[in-house]
Amino acid sequence: MLGLAGGAVSARVADVQVVLMPVSLLALALAYYFAYRRGPTPRWQRLALWMSTPITVLSWLWPSLTR
């Protein structure tokens, strides 16, 4: 059931992929800026940021990898 729902969502998101890629890049850039600016940042936030970066990059590359 989850696989069918994921396929339906990905088919609809494919239309707006051109817009979502720069938005996600901007969100990652802002996250790195806020994580590494001066001042204390909890370690778990930096860890979550580094874990989410490869997931985001793989989501950008997934359409070209599955063709």
PDB file of N, CA and C in Angstrom:
ATOM      1  N   MET A   1       0.820  -1.192   0.000  1.00  0.00           N
ATOM      2  CA  MET A   1       0.000   0.000   0.000  1.00  0.00           C
ATOM      3  C   MET A   1       0.864   1.257   0.000  1.00  0.00           C
ATOM      4  N   LEU A   2       1.905   1.234   0.825  1.00  0.00           N
ATOM      5  CA  LEU A   2       2.781   2.405   0.909  1.00  0.00           C
ATOM      6  C   LEU A   2       3.508   2.648  -0.405  1.00  0.00           C
ATOM      7  N   GLY A   3       3.908   1.584  -1.088  1.00  0.00           N
ATOM      8  CA  GLY A   3       4.589   1.724  -2.367  1.00  0.00           C
ATOM      9  C   GLY A   3       3.707   2.354  -3.425  1.00  0.00           C
ATOM     10  N   LEU A   4       2.441   1.989  -3.452  1.00  0.00           N
ATOM     11  CA  LEU A   4       1.515   2.585  -4.420  1.00  0.00           C
ATOM     12  C   LEU A   4       1.289   4.058  -4.133  1.00  0.00           C
ATOM     13  N   ALA A   5       1.164   4.395  -2.862  1.00  0.00           N
ATOM     14  CA  ALA A   5       0.969   5.801  -2.498  1.00  0.00           C
ATOM     15  C   ALA A   5       2.208   6.616  -2.829  1.00  0.00           C
ATOM     16  N   GLY A   6       3.391   6.053  -2.576  1.00  0.00           N
ATOM     17  CA  GLY A   6       4.635   6.750  -2.907  1.00  0.00           C
ATOM     18  C   GLY A   6       4.775   6.980  -4.396  1.00  0.00           C
ATOM     19  N   GLY A   7       4.366   6.008  -5.193  1.00  0.00           N
ATOM     20  CA  GLY A   7       4.411   6.165  -6.636  1.00  0.00           C
ATOM     21  C   GLY A   7       3.468   7.248  -7.125  1.00  0.00           C
ATOM     22  N   ALA A   8       2.293   7.312  -6.536  1.00  0.00           N
ATOM     23  CA  ALA A   8       1.325   8.344  -6.922  1.00  0.00           C
ATOM     24  C   ALA A   8       1.827   9.738  -6.553  1.00  0.00           C
ATOM     25  N   VAL A   9       2.425   9.857  -5.379  1.00  0.00           N
ATOM     26  CA  VAL A   9       2.953  11.155  -4.949  1.00  0.00           C
ATOM     27  C   VAL A   9       4.129  11.553  -5.825  1.00  0.00           C
ATOM     28  N   SER A  10       5.016  10.626  -6.140  1.00  0.00           N
ATOM     29  CA  SER A  10       6.184  10.967  -6.954  1.00  0.00           C
ATOM     30  C   SER A  10       5.782  11.364  -8.370  1.00  0.00           C
ATOM     31  N   ALA A  11       4.711  10.798  -8.886  1.00  0.00           N
ATOM     32  CA  ALA A  11       4.241  11.180 -10.215  1.00  0.00           C
ATOM     33  C   ALA A  11       3.746  12.625 -10.215  1.00  0.00           C
ATOM     34  N   ARG A  12       3.108  13.023  -9.143  1.00  0.00           N
ATOM     35  CA  ARG A  12       2.618  14.401  -9.073  1.00  0.00           C
ATOM     36  C   ARG A  12       3.745  15.393  -8.785  1.00  0.00           C
ATOM     37  N   VAL A  13       4.732  14.980  -8.002  1.00  0.00           N
ATOM     38  CA  VAL A  13       5.842  15.866  -7.647  1.00  0.00           C
ATOM     39  C   VAL A  13       6.775  16.060  -8.836  1.00  0.00           C
ATOM     40  N   ALA A  14       6.812  15.123  -9.754  1.00  0.00           N
ATOM     41  CA  ALA A  14       7.682  15.223 -10.923  1.00  0.00           C
ATOM     42  C   ALA A  14       7.382  16.477 -11.736  1.00  0.00           C
ATOM     43  N   ASP A  15       6.160  16.920 -11.725  1.00  0.00           N
ATOM     44  CA  ASP A  15       5.791  18.120 -12.481  1.00  0.00           C
ATOM     45  C   ASP A  15       6.416  19.380 -11.899  1.00  0.00           C
ATOM     46  N   VAL A  16       6.597  19.423 -10.608  1.00  0.00           N
ATOM     47  CA  VAL A  16       7.137  20.624  -9.960  1.00  0.00           C
ATOM     48  C   VAL A  16       8.570  20.424  -9.479  1.00  0.00           C
ATOM     49  N   GLN A  17       9.247  19.411  -9.995  1.00  0.00           N
ATOM     50  CA  GLN A  17      10.613  19.117  -9.585  1.00  0.00           C
ATOM     51  C   GLN A  17      11.549  20.270  -9.916  1.00  0.00           C
ATOM     52  N   VAL A  18      11.313  20.955 -10.996  1.00  0.00           N
ATOM     53  CA  VAL A  18      12.159  22.073 -11.397  1.00  0.00           C
ATOM     54  C   VAL A  18      12.115  23.186 -10.346  1.00  0.00           C
ATOM     55  N   VAL A  19      11.008  23.342  -9.687  1.00  0.00           N
ATOM     56  CA  VAL A  19      10.873  24.370  -8.658  1.00  0.00           C
ATOM     57  C   VAL A  19      11.387  23.862  -7.312  1.00  0.00           C
ATOM     58  N   LEU A  20      11.149  22.599  -7.006  1.00  0.00           N
ATOM     59  CA  LEU A  20      11.517  22.063  -5.696  1.00  0.00           C
ATOM     60  C   LEU A  20      13.017  21.900  -5.511  1.00  0.00           C
ATOM     61  N   MET A  21      13.763  21.666  -6.574  1.00  0.00           N
ATOM     62  CA  MET A  21      15.205  21.492  -6.431  1.00  0.00           C
ATOM     63  C   MET A  21      15.893  22.764  -5.946  1.00  0.00           C
ATOM     64  N   PRO A  22      15.667  23.924  -6.532  1.00  0.00           N
ATOM     65  CA  PRO A  22      16.298  25.134  -5.999  1.00  0.00           C
ATOM     66  C   PRO A  22      15.802  25.502  -4.599  1.00  0.00           C
ATOM     67  N   VAL A  23      14.540  25.202  -4.319  1.00  0.00           N
ATOM     68  CA  VAL A  23      14.007  25.494  -2.987  1.00  0.00           C
ATOM     69  C   VAL A  23      14.707  24.631  -1.945  1.00  0.00           C
ATOM     70  N   SER A  24      14.924  23.364  -2.253  1.00  0.00           N
ATOM     71  CA  SER A  24      15.621  22.494  -1.303  1.00  0.00           C
ATOM     72  C   SER A  24      17.089  22.885  -1.173  1.00  0.00           C
ATOM     73  N   LEU A  25      17.708  23.334  -2.249  1.00  0.00           N
ATOM     74  CA  LEU A  25      19.088  23.815  -2.174  1.00  0.00           C
ATOM     75  C   LEU A  25      19.184  25.056  -1.291  1.00  0.00           C
ATOM     76  N   LEU A  26      18.245  25.955  -1.430  1.00  0.00           N
ATOM     77  CA  LEU A  26      18.214  27.148  -0.582  1.00  0.00           C
ATOM     78  C   LEU A  26      17.985  26.772   0.878  1.00  0.00           C
ATOM     79  N   ALA A  27      17.104  25.817   1.121  1.00  0.00           N
ATOM     80  CA  ALA A  27      16.848  25.382   2.490  1.00  0.00           C
ATOM     81  C   ALA A  27      18.090  24.752   3.117  1.00  0.00           C
ATOM     82  N   LEU A  28      18.820  23.944   2.347  1.00  0.00           N
ATOM     83  CA  LEU A  28      20.061  23.366   2.863  1.00  0.00           C
ATOM     84  C   LEU A  28      21.099  24.440   3.136  1.00  0.00           C
ATOM     85  N   ALA A  29      21.219  25.410   2.242  1.00  0.00           N
ATOM     86  CA  ALA A  29      22.190  26.487   2.440  1.00  0.00           C
ATOM     87  C   ALA A  29      21.871  27.280   3.714  1.00  0.00           C
ATOM     88  N   LEU A  30      20.609  27.585   3.919  1.00  0.00           N
ATOM     89  CA  LEU A  30      20.220  28.298   5.140  1.00  0.00           C
ATOM     90  C   LEU A  30      20.464  27.450   6.385  1.00  0.00           C
ATOM     91  N   ALA A  31      20.220  26.165   6.282  1.00  0.00           N
ATOM     92  CA  ALA A  31      20.447  25.273   7.426  1.00  0.00           C
ATOM     93  C   ALA A  31      21.923  25.219   7.782  1.00  0.00           C
ATOM     94  N   TYR A  32      22.802  25.139   6.778  1.00  0.00           N
ATOM     95  CA  TYR A  32      24.239  25.137   7.062  1.00  0.00           C
ATOM     96  C   TYR A  32      24.679  26.477   7.641  1.00  0.00           C
ATOM     97  N   TYR A  33      24.112  27.557   7.135  1.00  0.00           N
ATOM     98  CA  TYR A  33      24.463  28.869   7.661  1.00  0.00           C
ATOM     99  C   TYR A  33      24.093  28.974   9.143  1.00  0.00           C
ATOM    100  N   PHE A  34      22.889  28.595   9.480  1.00  0.00           N
ATOM    101  CA  PHE A  34      22.459  28.697  10.872  1.00  0.00           C
ATOM    102  C   PHE A  34      23.152  27.678  11.776  1.00  0.00           C
ATOM    103  N   ALA A  35      23.562  26.556  11.222  1.00  0.00           N
ATOM    104  CA  ALA A  35      24.224  25.535  12.031  1.00  0.00           C
ATOM    105  C   ALA A  35      25.669  25.907  12.347  1.00  0.00           C
ATOM    106  N   TYR A  36      26.326  26.607  11.417  1.00  0.00           N
ATOM    107  CA  TYR A  36      27.748  26.881  11.594  1.00  0.00           C
ATOM    108  C   TYR A  36      28.084  28.352  11.802  1.00  0.00           C
ATOM    109  N   ARG A  37      27.103  29.161  12.049  1.00  0.00           N
ATOM    110  CA  ARG A  37      27.412  30.548  12.387  1.00  0.00           C
ATOM    111  C   ARG A  37      27.906  30.587  13.826  1.00  0.00           C
ATOM    112  N   ARG A  38      28.367  31.738  14.219  1.00  0.00           N
ATOM    113  CA  ARG A  38      28.874  31.867  15.583  1.00  0.00           C
ATOM    114  C   ARG A  38      27.754  31.652  16.586  1.00  0.00           C
ATOM    115  N   GLY A  39      28.128  31.091  17.700  1.00  0.00           N
ATOM    116  CA  GLY A  39      27.147  30.814  18.729  1.00  0.00           C
ATOM    117  C   GLY A  39      26.953  29.320  18.896  1.00  0.00           C
ATOM    118  N   PRO A  40      26.392  28.958  20.011  1.00  0.00           N
ATOM    119  CA  PRO A  40      26.233  27.522  20.274  1.00  0.00           C
ATOM    120  C   PRO A  40      25.108  26.911  19.433  1.00  0.00           C
ATOM    121  N   THR A  41      25.408  25.783  18.860  1.00  0.00           N
ATOM    122  CA  THR A  41      24.418  25.002  18.121  1.00  0.00           C
ATOM    123  C   THR A  41      24.465  23.582  18.669  1.00  0.00           C
ATOM    124  N   PRO A  42      23.341  23.040  19.046  1.00  0.00           N
ATOM    125  CA  PRO A  42      23.353  21.668  19.565  1.00  0.00           C
ATOM    126  C   PRO A  42      23.925  20.680  18.553  1.00  0.00           C
ATOM    127  N   ARG A  43      24.657  19.728  19.067  1.00  0.00           N
ATOM    128  CA  ARG A  43      25.313  18.739  18.216  1.00  0.00           C
ATOM    129  C   ARG A  43      24.311  17.926  17.401  1.00  0.00           C
ATOM    130  N   TRP A  44      23.143  17.638  17.972  1.00  0.00           N
ATOM    131  CA  TRP A  44      22.160  16.819  17.256  1.00  0.00           C
ATOM    132  C   TRP A  44      21.627  17.548  16.029  1.00  0.00           C
ATOM    133  N   GLN A  45      21.590  18.897  16.058  1.00  0.00           N
ATOM    134  CA  GLN A  45      21.110  19.631  14.892  1.00  0.00           C
ATOM    135  C   GLN A  45      22.093  19.516  13.735  1.00  0.00           C
ATOM    136  N   ARG A  46      23.386  19.601  14.043  1.00  0.00           N
ATOM    137  CA  ARG A  46      24.383  19.441  12.985  1.00  0.00           C
ATOM    138  C   ARG A  46      24.364  18.012  12.441  1.00  0.00           C
ATOM    139  N   LEU A  47      24.200  17.051  13.310  1.00  0.00           N
ATOM    140  CA  LEU A  47      24.126  15.660  12.876  1.00  0.00           C
ATOM    141  C   LEU A  47      22.916  15.438  11.968  1.00  0.00           C
ATOM    142  N   ALA A  48      21.783  15.993  12.340  1.00  0.00           N
ATOM    143  CA  ALA A  48      20.582  15.866  11.514  1.00  0.00           C
ATOM    144  C   ALA A  48      20.772  16.542  10.155  1.00  0.00           C
ATOM    145  N   LEU A  49      21.475  17.652  10.136  1.00  0.00           N
ATOM    146  CA  LEU A  49      21.743  18.353   8.882  1.00  0.00           C
ATOM    147  C   LEU A  49      22.627  17.508   7.972  1.00  0.00           C
ATOM    148  N   TRP A  50      23.674  16.930   8.537  1.00  0.00           N
ATOM    149  CA  TRP A  50      24.570  16.100   7.732  1.00  0.00           C
ATOM    150  C   TRP A  50      23.892  14.810   7.286  1.00  0.00           C
ATOM    151  N   MET A  51      22.940  14.324   8.027  1.00  0.00           N
ATOM    152  CA  MET A  51      22.211  13.130   7.619  1.00  0.00           C
ATOM    153  C   MET A  51      21.176  13.457   6.533  1.00  0.00           C
ATOM    154  N   SER A  52      20.620  14.648   6.573  1.00  0.00           N
ATOM    155  CA  SER A  52      19.604  15.006   5.590  1.00  0.00           C
ATOM    156  C   SER A  52      20.206  15.442   4.250  1.00  0.00           C
ATOM    157  N   THR A  53      21.455  15.865   4.244  1.00  0.00           N
ATOM    158  CA  THR A  53      22.075  16.310   2.999  1.00  0.00           C
ATOM    159  C   THR A  53      22.186  15.198   1.962  1.00  0.00           C
ATOM    160  N   PRO A  54      22.737  14.008   2.300  1.00  0.00           N
ATOM    161  CA  PRO A  54      22.777  12.964   1.260  1.00  0.00           C
ATOM    162  C   PRO A  54      21.390  12.480   0.827  1.00  0.00           C
ATOM    163  N   ILE A  55      20.436  12.519   1.734  1.00  0.00           N
ATOM    164  CA  ILE A  55      19.070  12.130   1.361  1.00  0.00           C
ATOM    165  C   ILE A  55      18.517  13.111   0.330  1.00  0.00           C
ATOM    166  N   THR A  56      18.790  14.395   0.523  1.00  0.00           N
ATOM    167  CA  THR A  56      18.333  15.409  -0.420  1.00  0.00           C
ATOM    168  C   THR A  56      19.018  15.257  -1.766  1.00  0.00           C
ATOM    169  N   VAL A  57      20.326  15.034  -1.746  1.00  0.00           N
ATOM    170  CA  VAL A  57      21.064  14.868  -3.005  1.00  0.00           C
ATOM    171  C   VAL A  57      20.598  13.616  -3.743  1.00  0.00           C
ATOM    172  N   LEU A  58      20.354  12.535  -3.013  1.00  0.00           N
ATOM    173  CA  LEU A  58      19.843  11.327  -3.662  1.00  0.00           C
ATOM    174  C   LEU A  58      18.458  11.545  -4.254  1.00  0.00           C
ATOM    175  N   SER A  59      17.643  12.355  -3.600  1.00  0.00           N
ATOM    176  CA  SER A  59      16.315  12.637  -4.165  1.00  0.00           C
ATOM    177  C   SER A  59      16.423  13.464  -5.437  1.00  0.00           C
ATOM    178  N   TRP A  60      17.468  14.288  -5.563  1.00  0.00           N
ATOM    179  CA  TRP A  60      17.697  15.015  -6.817  1.00  0.00           C
ATOM    180  C   TRP A  60      18.146  14.076  -7.915  1.00  0.00           C
ATOM    181  N   LEU A  61      18.992  13.103  -7.557  1.00  0.00           N
ATOM    182  CA  LEU A  61      19.574  12.215  -8.547  1.00  0.00           C
ATOM    183  C   LEU A  61      18.713  11.019  -8.890  1.00  0.00           C
ATOM    184  N   TRP A  62      17.731  10.711  -8.074  1.00  0.00           N
ATOM    185  CA  TRP A  62      16.948   9.496  -8.243  1.00  0.00           C
ATOM    186  C   TRP A  62      16.320   9.349  -9.623  1.00  0.00           C
ATOM    187  N   PRO A  63      15.724  10.378 -10.200  1.00  0.00           N
ATOM    188  CA  PRO A  63      15.119  10.192 -11.528  1.00  0.00           C
ATOM    189  C   PRO A  63      16.141   9.788 -12.592  1.00  0.00           C
ATOM    190  N   SER A  64      17.336  10.347 -12.540  1.00  0.00           N
ATOM    191  CA  SER A  64      18.336   9.985 -13.549  1.00  0.00           C
ATOM    192  C   SER A  64      18.963   8.632 -13.253  1.00  0.00           C
ATOM    193  N   LEU A  65      18.966   8.200 -12.000  1.00  0.00           N
ATOM    194  CA  LEU A  65      19.534   6.896 -11.658  1.00  0.00           C
ATOM    195  C   LEU A  65      18.593   5.747 -12.005  1.00  0.00           C
ATOM    196  N   THR A  66      17.307   6.005 -12.036  1.00  0.00           N
ATOM    197  CA  THR A  66      16.332   4.938 -12.291  1.00  0.00           C
ATOM    198  C   THR A  66      15.944   4.804 -13.750  1.00  0.00           C
ATOM    199  N   ARG A  67      16.462   5.628 -14.598  1.00  0.00           N
ATOM    200  CA  ARG A  67      16.127   5.535 -16.033  1.00  0.00           C
ATOM    201  C   ARG A  67      16.912   4.461 -16.707  1.00  0.00           C
TER     202      ARG A  67
END
